[in-house]
Amino acid sequence: MKYTSVKRTASVKAFALILCVAAWPLVCGVTGCSTGNRYKQSTGEYIDDRGLTSHVKTALAEDHQYKYDDVNVTTFKGVVQLSGFVNTRDQKNRAGDLAKHVEGIKELANNITVKE
């Protein structure tokens, strides 16, 4: 009689362990993906923004007319902001034009300061 009780307890513990292990991916999947709001990016938005920033930096680096060593590029929810310093207004306008032509940008804020 005692042997059956021990066997049943072991079976219940094994079932509970299996249930916990099976539920773990569900719990992590539901709580692991953050959703963004207007002040915080979701994981997908963060990845997309990193890609946009990279594409804009590449476009600026590949320009044969000017160098943009002192220009910073940041992106938040598809809005790209250019900041930093350039020598002429033409450089500022050219940087804005290059950035506008990058696919996926929702809006561009050209906050580059001209040193003139």
Protein backbone atom coordinates (compact mmCIF):
# COMPACT_ATOMS: atom_id res chain seq x y z
CA MET A 1 0.00 0.00 0.00
CA LYS A 2 2.80 2.38 0.85
CA TYR A 3 4.57 1.54 -2.43
CA THR A 4 1.53 2.71 -4.50
CA SER A 5 1.45 6.06 -2.70
CA VAL A 6 5.15 6.70 -3.38
CA LYS A 7 4.70 5.71 -7.02
CA ARG A 8 1.70 8.04 -7.37
CA THR A 9 3.63 10.94 -5.77
CA ALA A 10 6.54 10.39 -8.15
CA SER A 11 4.12 10.35 -11.09
CA VAL A 12 2.50 13.62 -9.96
CA LYS A 13 5.92 15.26 -9.55
CA ALA A 14 7.00 14.05 -12.98
CA PHE A 15 3.78 15.35 -14.54
CA ALA A 16 4.24 18.72 -12.81
CA LEU A 17 7.81 18.95 -14.07
CA ILE A 18 6.75 18.14 -17.63
CA LEU A 19 3.96 20.71 -17.42
CA CYS A 20 6.37 23.41 -16.18
CA VAL A 21 8.93 22.65 -18.86
CA ALA A 22 6.24 22.70 -21.56
CA ALA A 23 4.79 26.00 -20.31
CA TRP A 24 8.17 27.77 -20.13
CA PRO A 25 8.39 28.75 -23.84
CA LEU A 26 4.85 30.06 -23.73
CA VAL A 27 5.55 32.22 -20.70
CA CYS A 28 8.80 33.53 -22.18
CA GLY A 29 7.20 34.13 -25.56
CA VAL A 30 4.36 36.17 -24.14
CA THR A 31 6.44 38.26 -21.76
CA GLY A 32 9.68 38.37 -23.75
CA CYS A 33 8.52 40.52 -26.64
CA SER A 34 8.05 44.08 -25.57
CA THR A 35 5.57 46.24 -27.35
CA GLY A 36 6.52 49.79 -28.01
CA ASN A 37 4.70 52.93 -27.09
CA ARG A 38 5.37 56.49 -28.05
CA TYR A 39 8.38 56.72 -25.74
CA LYS A 40 9.87 53.24 -26.19
CA GLN A 41 10.68 51.17 -29.27
CA SER A 42 9.53 47.61 -29.67
CA THR A 43 12.17 45.06 -30.55
CA GLY A 44 11.20 45.14 -34.22
CA GLU A 45 11.28 48.94 -34.34
CA TYR A 46 14.72 48.94 -32.71
CA ILE A 47 16.04 46.56 -35.36
CA ASP A 48 14.45 48.57 -38.18
CA ASP A 49 15.84 51.83 -36.79
CA ARG A 50 19.35 50.39 -36.55
CA GLY A 51 19.08 49.40 -40.21
CA LEU A 52 17.89 52.86 -41.25
CA THR A 53 20.70 54.51 -39.31
CA SER A 54 23.20 52.23 -41.01
CA HIS A 55 21.80 52.95 -44.49
CA VAL A 56 21.87 56.72 -43.93
CA LYS A 57 25.46 56.57 -42.64
CA THR A 58 26.43 54.54 -45.69
CA ALA A 59 24.76 57.04 -48.04
CA LEU A 60 26.65 59.91 -46.39
CA ALA A 61 29.95 58.02 -46.47
CA GLU A 62 29.59 57.17 -50.16
CA ASP A 63 29.04 60.79 -51.21
CA HIS A 64 31.93 61.89 -53.42
CA GLN A 65 31.16 65.59 -53.16
CA TYR A 66 31.47 66.12 -49.39
CA LYS A 67 32.75 64.40 -46.26
CA TYR A 68 30.42 64.13 -43.25
CA ASP A 69 32.82 63.22 -40.46
CA ASP A 70 31.13 65.47 -37.88
CA VAL A 71 27.53 64.43 -38.68
CA ASN A 72 25.67 62.08 -36.33
CA VAL A 73 22.70 59.96 -37.40
CA THR A 74 20.08 58.73 -34.93
CA THR A 75 16.75 57.06 -35.65
CA PHE A 76 13.67 56.59 -33.48
CA LYS A 77 10.54 54.91 -34.85
CA GLY A 78 11.50 55.65 -38.46
CA VAL A 79 12.31 59.32 -37.85
CA VAL A 80 15.92 60.04 -38.75
CA GLN A 81 17.73 62.94 -37.12
CA LEU A 82 20.91 64.41 -38.54
CA SER A 83 22.98 66.46 -36.12
CA GLY A 84 26.52 67.75 -35.90
CA PHE A 85 28.50 70.27 -37.89
CA VAL A 86 29.34 71.02 -41.53
CA ASN A 87 31.19 73.89 -43.17
CA THR A 88 28.56 75.15 -45.65
CA ARG A 89 24.81 75.29 -46.11
CA ASP A 90 25.26 73.25 -49.31
CA GLN A 91 26.73 70.40 -47.24
CA LYS A 92 23.76 70.52 -44.86
CA ASN A 93 21.27 70.46 -47.73
CA ARG A 94 23.15 67.68 -49.53
CA ALA A 95 23.21 65.54 -46.37
CA GLY A 96 19.44 66.02 -46.01
CA ASP A 97 18.86 65.08 -49.65
CA LEU A 98 20.98 61.94 -49.35
CA ALA A 99 19.15 60.87 -46.21
CA LYS A 100 15.69 61.52 -47.70
CA HIS A 101 16.41 59.08 -50.51
CA VAL A 102 17.03 56.17 -48.13
CA GLU A 103 14.09 53.81 -48.34
CA GLY A 104 12.00 53.35 -45.19
CA ILE A 105 12.45 56.77 -43.60
CA LYS A 106 9.17 58.20 -42.32
CA GLU A 107 10.49 61.66 -41.52
CA LEU A 108 13.81 63.52 -41.54
CA ALA A 109 14.95 66.12 -39.01
CA ASN A 110 17.99 67.91 -40.41
CA ASN A 111 19.47 69.56 -37.31
CA ILE A 112 22.96 69.96 -38.72
CA THR A 113 24.64 73.21 -37.71
CA VAL A 114 26.61 75.19 -40.30
CA LYS A 115 29.96 76.46 -38.98
CA GLU A 116 29.96 79.61 -41.17
